Amino acid sequence: MSRLARIRAEASATYRTFLRRRTAVFFTFFFPVLLIVIFAGLVRTTSGSGGLFTEPTAYYVPAYLATVVLFTPLSRVGSTVARHREGNRFEKLSTTPLTRAEWLAAHTLVNVALIAAACAVLLVALLATGASFALSPWLAVLVPATSVVFCGVGAVIGSYADGQDGAIAASNGIALPVLFLSETFVQPELFPAWFRPVVDLSPLAYFARGVRAATTPGGDVTTNAAVVVALAVVAFAVGTLAIPWTE
């Protein structure tokens, strides 16, 4: 069996497992739409008032996409790696031709496909609320690349967390502050001056800046996309090495 065939087989099994988990389907596709209904459809903003949710709806497009790009791979890959550790499945897989890089690639491909589909649903929902933004081809780079970043991070979390519950708790504990401190829902000028350089350490900040630059006038989409792609390569490599694959 070729490498591509092994990845395809593992990805197919992973996708079928996802469809059988109704909770996972709900939080991947319907929960983010619920956020849009609440914040984009019900919460009214006043531009220029200097507080939260005071920008045009299009400003928050990266924030809504980030709820999927961040939470889905962290929780899914993290919990899957932890579950495989608990069940000694990596020890069994290490006796097969499948490598840890191929295993992570298969799970990453499934997550990227699911996240891309969920983001498409979100964009349609945003347009339905009257948001005005451009559907840039850069989204086809930023969304998959950032998904790969957090798949790699999720693999690291699952490799070192104390069981599956610990992986889920750690994923949520990391994702929540990262979501709100990465120029998504909160404008950078609302942060204290000393904290703003810290935002540059977040991969999600480059995603938010890139998406905002791609969907609204102004901003540097190329540099931010390049940073995200570079981080995706590094995160995937680190995540692969972290998986406890017993040779």
C-alpha atoms as a PDB file:
ATOM      1  CA  MET A   1       0.000   0.000   0.000  1.00  0.00           C
ATOM      2  CA  SER A   2       1.411   3.386  -0.980  1.00  0.00           C
ATOM      3  CA  ARG A   3       1.770   6.333   1.374  1.00  0.00           C
ATOM      4  CA  LEU A   4      -1.135   8.140  -0.289  1.00  0.00           C
ATOM      5  CA  ALA A   5      -3.338   5.057   0.055  1.00  0.00           C
ATOM      6  CA  ARG A   6      -2.489   4.740   3.763  1.00  0.00           C
ATOM      7  CA  ILE A   7      -3.339   8.396   4.386  1.00  0.00           C
ATOM      8  CA  ARG A   8      -6.572   8.062   2.425  1.00  0.00           C
ATOM      9  CA  ALA A   9      -7.617   4.962   4.380  1.00  0.00           C
ATOM     10  CA  GLU A  10      -6.941   6.582   7.753  1.00  0.00           C
ATOM     11  CA  ALA A  11      -8.687   9.798   6.673  1.00  0.00           C
ATOM     12  CA  SER A  12     -11.753   7.862   5.521  1.00  0.00           C
ATOM     13  CA  ALA A  13     -12.014   6.072   8.868  1.00  0.00           C
ATOM     14  CA  THR A  14     -11.580   9.374  10.727  1.00  0.00           C
ATOM     15  CA  TYR A  15     -14.325  11.048   8.687  1.00  0.00           C
ATOM     16  CA  ARG A  16     -16.782   8.219   9.360  1.00  0.00           C
ATOM     17  CA  THR A  17     -16.000   8.431  13.064  1.00  0.00           C
ATOM     18  CA  PHE A  18     -16.756  12.166  13.019  1.00  0.00           C
ATOM     19  CA  LEU A  19     -20.158  11.633  11.404  1.00  0.00           C
ATOM     20  CA  ARG A  20     -21.116   9.182  14.143  1.00  0.00           C
ATOM     21  CA  ARG A  21     -20.426  11.774  16.842  1.00  0.00           C
ATOM     22  CA  ARG A  22     -23.462  14.073  16.817  1.00  0.00           C
ATOM     23  CA  THR A  23     -22.010  16.385  19.455  1.00  0.00           C
ATOM     24  CA  ALA A  24     -18.931  16.961  17.319  1.00  0.00           C
ATOM     25  CA  VAL A  25     -21.094  17.702  14.268  1.00  0.00           C
ATOM     26  CA  PHE A  26     -23.164  20.205  16.256  1.00  0.00           C
ATOM     27  CA  PHE A  27     -20.224  22.139  17.671  1.00  0.00           C
ATOM     28  CA  THR A  28     -18.406  22.158  14.333  1.00  0.00           C
ATOM     29  CA  PHE A  29     -21.264  23.410  12.147  1.00  0.00           C
ATOM     30  CA  PHE A  30     -24.161  24.758  14.210  1.00  0.00           C
ATOM     31  CA  PHE A  31     -22.645  26.318  17.323  1.00  0.00           C
ATOM     32  CA  PRO A  32     -20.610  28.924  15.335  1.00  0.00           C
ATOM     33  CA  VAL A  33     -23.730  29.824  13.368  1.00  0.00           C
ATOM     34  CA  LEU A  34     -25.518  30.367  16.680  1.00  0.00           C
ATOM     35  CA  LEU A  35     -22.772  32.836  17.646  1.00  0.00           C
ATOM     36  CA  ILE A  36     -23.376  34.743  14.427  1.00  0.00           C
ATOM     37  CA  VAL A  37     -27.122  34.847  15.075  1.00  0.00           C
ATOM     38  CA  ILE A  38     -26.465  36.288  18.535  1.00  0.00           C
ATOM     39  CA  PHE A  39     -23.646  38.727  17.840  1.00  0.00           C
ATOM     40  CA  ALA A  40     -24.142  39.680  14.188  1.00  0.00           C
ATOM     41  CA  GLY A  41     -27.917  39.429  14.106  1.00  0.00           C
ATOM     42  CA  LEU A  42     -29.018  40.603  17.545  1.00  0.00           C
ATOM     43  CA  VAL A  43     -26.227  42.695  19.067  1.00  0.00           C
ATOM     44  CA  ARG A  44     -26.298  46.178  17.585  1.00  0.00           C
ATOM     45  CA  THR A  45     -23.057  48.105  17.296  1.00  0.00           C
ATOM     46  CA  THR A  46     -22.283  51.795  17.320  1.00  0.00           C
ATOM     47  CA  SER A  47     -19.257  52.559  15.214  1.00  0.00           C
ATOM     48  CA  GLY A  48     -16.698  54.850  16.806  1.00  0.00           C
ATOM     49  CA  SER A  49     -18.027  54.598  20.370  1.00  0.00           C
ATOM     50  CA  GLY A  50     -14.744  53.076  21.569  1.00  0.00           C
ATOM     51  CA  GLY A  51     -15.959  49.843  23.198  1.00  0.00           C
ATOM     52  CA  LEU A  52     -16.533  46.215  22.345  1.00  0.00           C
ATOM     53  CA  PHE A  53     -18.564  45.360  19.244  1.00  0.00           C
ATOM     54  CA  THR A  54     -18.320  48.903  17.946  1.00  0.00           C
ATOM     55  CA  GLU A  55     -16.897  48.062  14.534  1.00  0.00           C
ATOM     56  CA  PRO A  56     -18.914  47.219  11.404  1.00  0.00           C
ATOM     57  CA  THR A  57     -20.031  43.597  11.237  1.00  0.00           C
ATOM     58  CA  ALA A  58     -17.440  42.815   8.564  1.00  0.00           C
ATOM     59  CA  TYR A  59     -14.677  43.586  11.083  1.00  0.00           C
ATOM     60  CA  TYR A  60     -15.655  40.489  13.050  1.00  0.00           C
ATOM     61  CA  VAL A  61     -15.524  38.039  10.131  1.00  0.00           C
ATOM     62  CA  PRO A  62     -12.127  36.718  11.349  1.00  0.00           C
ATOM     63  CA  ALA A  63     -13.561  36.236  14.839  1.00  0.00           C
ATOM     64  CA  TYR A  64     -16.429  34.056  13.660  1.00  0.00           C
ATOM     65  CA  LEU A  65     -14.151  31.986  11.425  1.00  0.00           C
ATOM     66  CA  ALA A  66     -11.665  31.688  14.286  1.00  0.00           C
ATOM     67  CA  THR A  67     -14.223  29.902  16.468  1.00  0.00           C
ATOM     68  CA  VAL A  68     -14.041  26.985  14.028  1.00  0.00           C
ATOM     69  CA  VAL A  69     -10.396  27.269  12.947  1.00  0.00           C
ATOM     70  CA  LEU A  70      -9.252  27.292  16.575  1.00  0.00           C
ATOM     71  CA  PHE A  71     -11.609  25.146  18.629  1.00  0.00           C
ATOM     72  CA  THR A  72     -12.290  22.314  16.170  1.00  0.00           C
ATOM     73  CA  PRO A  73      -8.706  21.116  15.541  1.00  0.00           C
ATOM     74  CA  LEU A  74      -7.521  21.711  19.106  1.00  0.00           C
ATOM     75  CA  SER A  75     -10.309  19.707  20.716  1.00  0.00           C
ATOM     76  CA  ARG A  76     -10.667  17.020  18.038  1.00  0.00           C
ATOM     77  CA  VAL A  77      -6.994  16.234  17.458  1.00  0.00           C
ATOM     78  CA  GLY A  78      -6.102  16.713  21.121  1.00  0.00           C
ATOM     79  CA  SER A  79      -8.793  14.349  22.374  1.00  0.00           C
ATOM     80  CA  THR A  80      -8.098  11.813  19.604  1.00  0.00           C
ATOM     81  CA  VAL A  81      -4.387  11.628  20.416  1.00  0.00           C
ATOM     82  CA  ALA A  82      -5.157  11.304  24.136  1.00  0.00           C
ATOM     83  CA  ARG A  83      -7.721   8.566  23.442  1.00  0.00           C
ATOM     84  CA  HIS A  84      -5.219   6.660  21.314  1.00  0.00           C
ATOM     85  CA  ARG A  85      -2.665   6.953  24.123  1.00  0.00           C
ATOM     86  CA  GLU A  86      -5.102   5.589  26.695  1.00  0.00           C
ATOM     87  CA  GLY A  87      -6.049   2.671  24.469  1.00  0.00           C
ATOM     88  CA  ASN A  88      -2.446   1.910  23.455  1.00  0.00           C
ATOM     89  CA  ARG A  89      -3.502   2.312  19.842  1.00  0.00           C
ATOM     90  CA  PHE A  90      -0.281   4.035  18.848  1.00  0.00           C
ATOM     91  CA  GLU A  91       1.641   0.957  19.940  1.00  0.00           C
ATOM     92  CA  LYS A  92      -0.485  -1.158  17.619  1.00  0.00           C
ATOM     93  CA  LEU A  93      -0.257   1.332  14.756  1.00  0.00           C
ATOM     94  CA  SER A  94       3.519   1.415  15.075  1.00  0.00           C
ATOM     95  CA  THR A  95       3.572  -2.218  13.940  1.00  0.00           C
ATOM     96  CA  THR A  96       1.872  -1.266  10.657  1.00  0.00           C
ATOM     97  CA  PRO A  97       3.362   0.567   7.648  1.00  0.00           C
ATOM     98  CA  LEU A  98       1.509   3.732   8.748  1.00  0.00           C
ATOM     99  CA  THR A  99       3.872   6.378  10.138  1.00  0.00           C
ATOM    100  CA  ARG A 100       3.078   9.041  12.706  1.00  0.00           C
ATOM    101  CA  ALA A 101       3.397  11.754  10.048  1.00  0.00           C
ATOM    102  CA  GLU A 102       0.905   9.912   7.820  1.00  0.00           C
ATOM    103  CA  TRP A 103      -1.474   9.443  10.746  1.00  0.00           C
ATOM    104  CA  LEU A 104      -1.384  13.131  11.624  1.00  0.00           C
ATOM    105  CA  ALA A 105      -1.656  14.098   7.949  1.00  0.00           C
ATOM    106  CA  ALA A 106      -4.824  12.002   7.590  1.00  0.00           C
ATOM    107  CA  HIS A 107      -6.450  13.538  10.662  1.00  0.00           C
ATOM    108  CA  THR A 108      -5.325  17.003   9.603  1.00  0.00           C
ATOM    109  CA  LEU A 109      -6.841  16.572   6.128  1.00  0.00           C
ATOM    110  CA  VAL A 110     -10.193  15.573   7.604  1.00  0.00           C
ATOM    111  CA  ASN A 111     -10.160  18.519   9.995  1.00  0.00           C
ATOM    112  CA  VAL A 112      -9.186  20.942   7.237  1.00  0.00           C
ATOM    113  CA  ALA A 113     -12.041  19.704   5.055  1.00  0.00           C
ATOM    114  CA  LEU A 114     -14.578  19.941   7.889  1.00  0.00           C
ATOM    115  CA  ILE A 115     -13.344  23.378   8.945  1.00  0.00           C
ATOM    116  CA  ALA A 116     -13.467  24.645   5.352  1.00  0.00           C
ATOM    117  CA  ALA A 117     -17.066  23.437   5.038  1.00  0.00           C
ATOM    118  CA  ALA A 118     -18.017  24.992   8.381  1.00  0.00           C
ATOM    119  CA  CYS A 119     -16.378  28.300   7.416  1.00  0.00           C
ATOM    120  CA  ALA A 120     -18.351  28.308   4.154  1.00  0.00           C
ATOM    121  CA  VAL A 121     -21.556  27.910   6.181  1.00  0.00           C
ATOM    122  CA  LEU A 122     -20.461  30.767   8.450  1.00  0.00           C
ATOM    123  CA  LEU A 123     -19.749  33.084   5.532  1.00  0.00           C
ATOM    124  CA  VAL A 124     -23.194  32.407   4.075  1.00  0.00           C
ATOM    125  CA  ALA A 125     -24.765  33.083   7.476  1.00  0.00           C
ATOM    126  CA  LEU A 126     -22.819  36.334   7.790  1.00  0.00           C
ATOM    127  CA  LEU A 127     -23.967  37.475   4.359  1.00  0.00           C
ATOM    128  CA  ALA A 128     -27.519  36.647   5.401  1.00  0.00           C
ATOM    129  CA  THR A 129     -27.189  39.044   8.357  1.00  0.00           C
ATOM    130  CA  GLY A 130     -26.284  41.885   5.985  1.00  0.00           C
ATOM    131  CA  ALA A 131     -22.517  41.924   6.567  1.00  0.00           C
ATOM    132  CA  SER A 132     -20.575  43.459   3.696  1.00  0.00           C
ATOM    133  CA  PHE A 133     -17.210  41.870   2.937  1.00  0.00           C
ATOM    134  CA  ALA A 134     -15.283  40.397   0.004  1.00  0.00           C
ATOM    135  CA  LEU A 135     -14.967  36.661  -0.609  1.00  0.00           C
ATOM    136  CA  SER A 136     -11.238  36.670  -1.220  1.00  0.00           C
ATOM    137  CA  PRO A 137      -9.287  33.683  -2.617  1.00  0.00           C
ATOM    138  CA  TRP A 138      -6.831  34.285   0.226  1.00  0.00           C
ATOM    139  CA  LEU A 139      -9.357  32.577   2.494  1.00  0.00           C
ATOM    140  CA  ALA A 140      -8.471  29.323   0.701  1.00  0.00           C
ATOM    141  CA  VAL A 141      -4.932  29.765   2.042  1.00  0.00           C
ATOM    142  CA  LEU A 142      -5.538  31.247   5.482  1.00  0.00           C
ATOM    143  CA  VAL A 143      -8.257  28.863   6.670  1.00  0.00           C
ATOM    144  CA  PRO A 144      -6.490  25.564   5.802  1.00  0.00           C
ATOM    145  CA  ALA A 145      -3.059  26.784   6.915  1.00  0.00           C
ATOM    146  CA  THR A 146      -4.331  27.988  10.298  1.00  0.00           C
ATOM    147  CA  SER A 147      -6.246  24.735  10.722  1.00  0.00           C
ATOM    148  CA  VAL A 148      -2.974  22.853  10.230  1.00  0.00           C
ATOM    149  CA  VAL A 149      -1.321  25.051  12.875  1.00  0.00           C
ATOM    150  CA  PHE A 150      -3.859  24.104  15.515  1.00  0.00           C
ATOM    151  CA  CYS A 151      -3.967  20.464  14.451  1.00  0.00           C
ATOM    152  CA  GLY A 152      -0.268  20.383  15.285  1.00  0.00           C
ATOM    153  CA  VAL A 153      -0.856  22.164  18.588  1.00  0.00           C
ATOM    154  CA  GLY A 154      -3.710  19.771  19.338  1.00  0.00           C
ATOM    155  CA  ALA A 155      -1.397  16.810  18.750  1.00  0.00           C
ATOM    156  CA  VAL A 156       1.062  18.240  21.272  1.00  0.00           C
ATOM    157  CA  ILE A 157      -1.706  18.797  23.833  1.00  0.00           C
ATOM    158  CA  GLY A 158      -3.050  15.280  23.393  1.00  0.00           C
ATOM    159  CA  SER A 159       0.443  13.812  23.686  1.00  0.00           C
ATOM    160  CA  TYR A 160       1.129  15.351  27.085  1.00  0.00           C
ATOM    161  CA  ALA A 161      -2.299  15.921  28.673  1.00  0.00           C
ATOM    162  CA  ASP A 162      -3.518  13.737  31.501  1.00  0.00           C
ATOM    163  CA  GLY A 163      -6.022  11.649  29.550  1.00  0.00           C
ATOM    164  CA  GLN A 164      -8.808  12.580  27.154  1.00  0.00           C
ATOM    165  CA  ASP A 165     -10.660  14.774  29.636  1.00  0.00           C
ATOM    166  CA  GLY A 166      -7.416  16.580  30.409  1.00  0.00           C
ATOM    167  CA  ALA A 167      -6.806  17.145  26.698  1.00  0.00           C
ATOM    168  CA  ILE A 168     -10.261  18.654  26.218  1.00  0.00           C
ATOM    169  CA  ALA A 169      -9.856  20.849  29.300  1.00  0.00           C
ATOM    170  CA  ALA A 170      -6.419  21.998  28.184  1.00  0.00           C
ATOM    171  CA  SER A 171      -7.675  22.698  24.660  1.00  0.00           C
ATOM    172  CA  ASN A 172     -10.520  24.863  25.937  1.00  0.00           C
ATOM    173  CA  GLY A 173      -8.260  26.525  28.490  1.00  0.00           C
ATOM    174  CA  ILE A 174      -5.872  27.541  25.723  1.00  0.00           C
ATOM    175  CA  ALA A 175      -8.451  28.324  23.038  1.00  0.00           C
ATOM    176  CA  LEU A 176     -10.627  30.756  25.017  1.00  0.00           C
ATOM    177  CA  PRO A 177      -7.932  33.313  25.898  1.00  0.00           C
ATOM    178  CA  VAL A 178      -6.274  32.917  22.494  1.00  0.00           C
ATOM    179  CA  LEU A 179      -9.595  33.621  20.778  1.00  0.00           C
ATOM    180  CA  PHE A 180     -10.240  36.890  22.583  1.00  0.00           C
ATOM    181  CA  LEU A 181      -6.621  38.107  22.762  1.00  0.00           C
ATOM    182  CA  SER A 182      -5.760  37.738  19.067  1.00  0.00           C
ATOM    183  CA  GLU A 183      -7.373  40.784  17.441  1.00  0.00           C
ATOM    184  CA  THR A 184     -10.605  38.930  16.740  1.00  0.00           C
ATOM    185  CA  PHE A 185     -13.464  40.305  18.823  1.00  0.00           C
ATOM    186  CA  VAL A 186     -11.328  42.894  20.642  1.00  0.00           C
ATOM    187  CA  GLN A 187      -9.685  45.752  18.753  1.00  0.00           C
ATOM    188  CA  PRO A 188      -5.920  46.022  19.451  1.00  0.00           C
ATOM    189  CA  GLU A 189      -6.221  49.610  20.671  1.00  0.00           C
ATOM    190  CA  LEU A 190      -8.335  48.382  23.598  1.00  0.00           C
ATOM    191  CA  PHE A 191      -5.377  46.419  24.962  1.00  0.00           C
ATOM    192  CA  PRO A 192      -2.852  48.184  27.211  1.00  0.00           C
ATOM    193  CA  ALA A 193       0.289  49.256  25.353  1.00  0.00           C
ATOM    194  CA  TRP A 194       2.524  46.789  27.228  1.00  0.00           C
ATOM    195  CA  PHE A 195       0.325  43.843  26.184  1.00  0.00           C
ATOM    196  CA  ARG A 196       0.143  44.533  22.457  1.00  0.00           C
ATOM    197  CA  PRO A 197       3.513  42.896  21.638  1.00  0.00           C
ATOM    198  CA  VAL A 198       2.223  39.722  23.333  1.00  0.00           C
ATOM    199  CA  VAL A 199      -0.553  39.532  20.740  1.00  0.00           C
ATOM    200  CA  ASP A 200       2.104  39.042  18.064  1.00  0.00           C
ATOM    201  CA  LEU A 201       2.972  35.694  19.652  1.00  0.00           C
ATOM    202  CA  SER A 202      -0.448  34.272  18.779  1.00  0.00           C
ATOM    203  CA  PRO A 203      -0.785  32.426  15.446  1.00  0.00           C
ATOM    204  CA  LEU A 204      -4.462  33.355  15.476  1.00  0.00           C
ATOM    205  CA  ALA A 205      -3.567  37.053  15.378  1.00  0.00           C
ATOM    206  CA  TYR A 206      -1.930  36.604  11.967  1.00  0.00           C
ATOM    207  CA  PHE A 207      -4.981  34.694  10.798  1.00  0.00           C
ATOM    208  CA  ALA A 208      -7.273  37.489  11.987  1.00  0.00           C
ATOM    209  CA  ARG A 209      -5.147  40.190  10.372  1.00  0.00           C
ATOM    210  CA  GLY A 210      -4.881  38.229   7.139  1.00  0.00           C
ATOM    211  CA  VAL A 211      -8.596  37.519   6.893  1.00  0.00           C
ATOM    212  CA  ARG A 212      -9.457  41.120   7.749  1.00  0.00           C
ATOM    213  CA  ALA A 213      -7.039  42.406   5.099  1.00  0.00           C
ATOM    214  CA  ALA A 214      -8.423  39.947   2.531  1.00  0.00           C
ATOM    215  CA  THR A 215     -12.101  40.649   3.149  1.00  0.00           C
ATOM    216  CA  THR A 216     -12.004  44.400   3.758  1.00  0.00           C
ATOM    217  CA  PRO A 217      -9.919  47.198   2.192  1.00  0.00           C
ATOM    218  CA  GLY A 218      -6.483  47.826   3.655  1.00  0.00           C
ATOM    219  CA  GLY A 219      -3.972  45.655   5.473  1.00  0.00           C
ATOM    220  CA  ASP A 220      -1.181  43.330   4.437  1.00  0.00           C
ATOM    221  CA  VAL A 221      -2.612  39.937   3.583  1.00  0.00           C
ATOM    222  CA  THR A 222       0.545  38.546   1.960  1.00  0.00           C
ATOM    223  CA  THR A 223       2.819  38.869   4.987  1.00  0.00           C
ATOM    224  CA  ASN A 224       0.238  37.510   7.389  1.00  0.00           C
ATOM    225  CA  ALA A 225      -0.536  34.565   5.108  1.00  0.00           C
ATOM    226  CA  ALA A 226       3.185  33.800   4.788  1.00  0.00           C
ATOM    227  CA  VAL A 227       3.564  33.780   8.580  1.00  0.00           C
ATOM    228  CA  VAL A 228       0.592  31.435   8.964  1.00  0.00           C
ATOM    229  CA  VAL A 229       1.929  29.023   6.321  1.00  0.00           C
ATOM    230  CA  ALA A 230       5.359  28.977   7.973  1.00  0.00           C
ATOM    231  CA  LEU A 231       3.773  28.325  11.359  1.00  0.00           C
ATOM    232  CA  ALA A 232       1.714  25.504   9.840  1.00  0.00           C
ATOM    233  CA  VAL A 233       4.882  23.728   8.682  1.00  0.00           C
ATOM    234  CA  VAL A 234       6.521  24.112  12.090  1.00  0.00           C
ATOM    235  CA  ALA A 235       3.406  23.102  14.058  1.00  0.00           C
ATOM    236  CA  PHE A 236       2.831  20.004  11.935  1.00  0.00           C
ATOM    237  CA  ALA A 237       6.457  18.909  12.393  1.00  0.00           C
ATOM    238  CA  VAL A 238       6.369  19.474  16.160  1.00  0.00           C
ATOM    239  CA  GLY A 239       2.990  17.739  16.464  1.00  0.00           C
ATOM    240  CA  THR A 240       4.301  14.751  14.532  1.00  0.00           C
ATOM    241  CA  LEU A 241       7.348  14.404  16.788  1.00  0.00           C
ATOM    242  CA  ALA A 242       5.200  14.745  19.926  1.00  0.00           C
ATOM    243  CA  ILE A 243       2.925  11.791  19.085  1.00  0.00           C
ATOM    244  CA  PRO A 244       3.979   8.856  21.317  1.00  0.00           C
ATOM    245  CA  TRP A 245       4.572   6.441  18.456  1.00  0.00           C
ATOM    246  CA  THR A 246       6.269   3.321  19.809  1.00  0.00           C
ATOM    247  CA  GLU A 247       8.505   1.874  17.134  1.00  0.00           C
END
